Amino acid sequence: MNKIVLAISIWLCCHAAWAKDAAQAVQDMQGVSDTDPNGFKWMVVCIGLLFFIATSLIVATIVYGIKKKK
């Protein structure tokens, strides 16, 4: 069992080396915004909304934890 876990861990560690350059990723995003500008805008809005909701849940949990200790 440990050999399988070790093999998967090594494979996942080496897998990150196949990632794109930052310039290629930005070029891909520019291509998407050129071919489908409305879809790109909605994607940015949705990601921003998800970030806002996640951040507000984290802050609410921290505030609730601080108030509960008193």
Protein backbone atom coordinates (compact mmCIF):
# COMPACT_ATOMS: atom_id res chain seq x y z
CA MET A 1 0.00 0.00 0.00
CA ASN A 2 2.79 2.42 0.87
CA LYS A 3 4.45 1.81 -2.51
CA ILE A 4 1.28 2.82 -4.30
CA VAL A 5 0.97 6.00 -2.24
CA LEU A 6 4.65 6.79 -2.86
CA ALA A 7 4.28 6.24 -6.61
CA ILE A 8 1.20 8.48 -6.77
CA SER A 9 2.96 11.18 -4.72
CA ILE A 10 6.00 11.14 -7.00
CA TRP A 11 3.78 11.26 -10.08
CA LEU A 12 1.84 14.25 -8.70
CA CYS A 13 5.04 16.09 -7.76
CA CYS A 14 6.46 15.66 -11.26
CA HIS A 15 3.13 16.54 -12.86
CA ALA A 16 3.51 20.22 -11.91
CA ALA A 17 6.60 20.45 -14.13
CA TRP A 18 4.33 20.13 -17.18
CA ALA A 19 2.43 23.33 -16.36
CA LYS A 20 2.30 26.16 -18.87
CA ASP A 21 4.35 29.31 -18.68
CA ALA A 22 2.57 32.32 -17.24
CA ALA A 23 2.86 34.06 -20.61
CA GLN A 24 1.14 31.14 -22.36
CA ALA A 25 -1.68 31.13 -19.80
CA VAL A 26 -2.21 34.87 -20.25
CA GLN A 27 -2.15 34.43 -24.04
CA ASP A 28 -4.84 31.74 -23.76
CA MET A 29 -7.01 33.99 -21.61
CA GLN A 30 -6.53 36.84 -24.11
CA GLY A 31 -7.64 34.51 -26.88
CA VAL A 32 -10.77 33.59 -24.96
CA SER A 33 -11.60 37.22 -24.29
CA ASP A 34 -11.19 37.99 -28.00
CA THR A 35 -13.37 35.13 -29.27
CA ASP A 36 -16.10 35.35 -26.60
CA PRO A 37 -15.90 38.67 -24.73
CA ASN A 38 -19.25 38.31 -22.93
CA GLY A 39 -18.41 34.81 -21.73
CA PHE A 40 -15.06 36.04 -20.45
CA LYS A 41 -16.71 38.93 -18.58
CA TRP A 42 -19.24 36.57 -16.98
CA MET A 43 -16.44 34.20 -16.00
CA VAL A 44 -14.59 37.04 -14.26
CA VAL A 45 -17.80 38.17 -12.53
CA CYS A 46 -18.58 34.63 -11.33
CA ILE A 47 -15.05 34.04 -10.05
CA GLY A 48 -15.18 37.38 -8.23
CA LEU A 49 -18.54 36.46 -6.72
CA LEU A 50 -17.22 33.08 -5.55
CA PHE A 51 -14.17 34.79 -4.03
CA PHE A 52 -16.39 37.32 -2.24
CA ILE A 53 -18.70 34.62 -0.85
CA ALA A 54 -15.81 32.43 0.30
CA THR A 55 -14.06 35.39 1.95
CA SER A 56 -17.25 36.52 3.69
CA LEU A 57 -17.87 32.99 5.02
CA ILE A 58 -14.33 32.82 6.39
CA VAL A 59 -14.68 36.24 8.04
CA ALA A 60 -18.10 35.35 9.48
CA THR A 61 -16.71 32.11 10.93
CA ILE A 62 -13.78 33.94 12.52
CA VAL A 63 -16.05 36.64 13.98
CA TYR A 64 -18.43 33.99 15.32
CA GLY A 65 -15.51 32.12 16.90
CA ILE A 66 -14.16 35.27 18.55
CA LYS A 67 -17.57 36.32 19.92
CA LYS A 68 -18.28 32.83 21.25
CA LYS A 69 -15.12 32.78 23.40
CA LYS A 70 -16.18 35.80 25.48
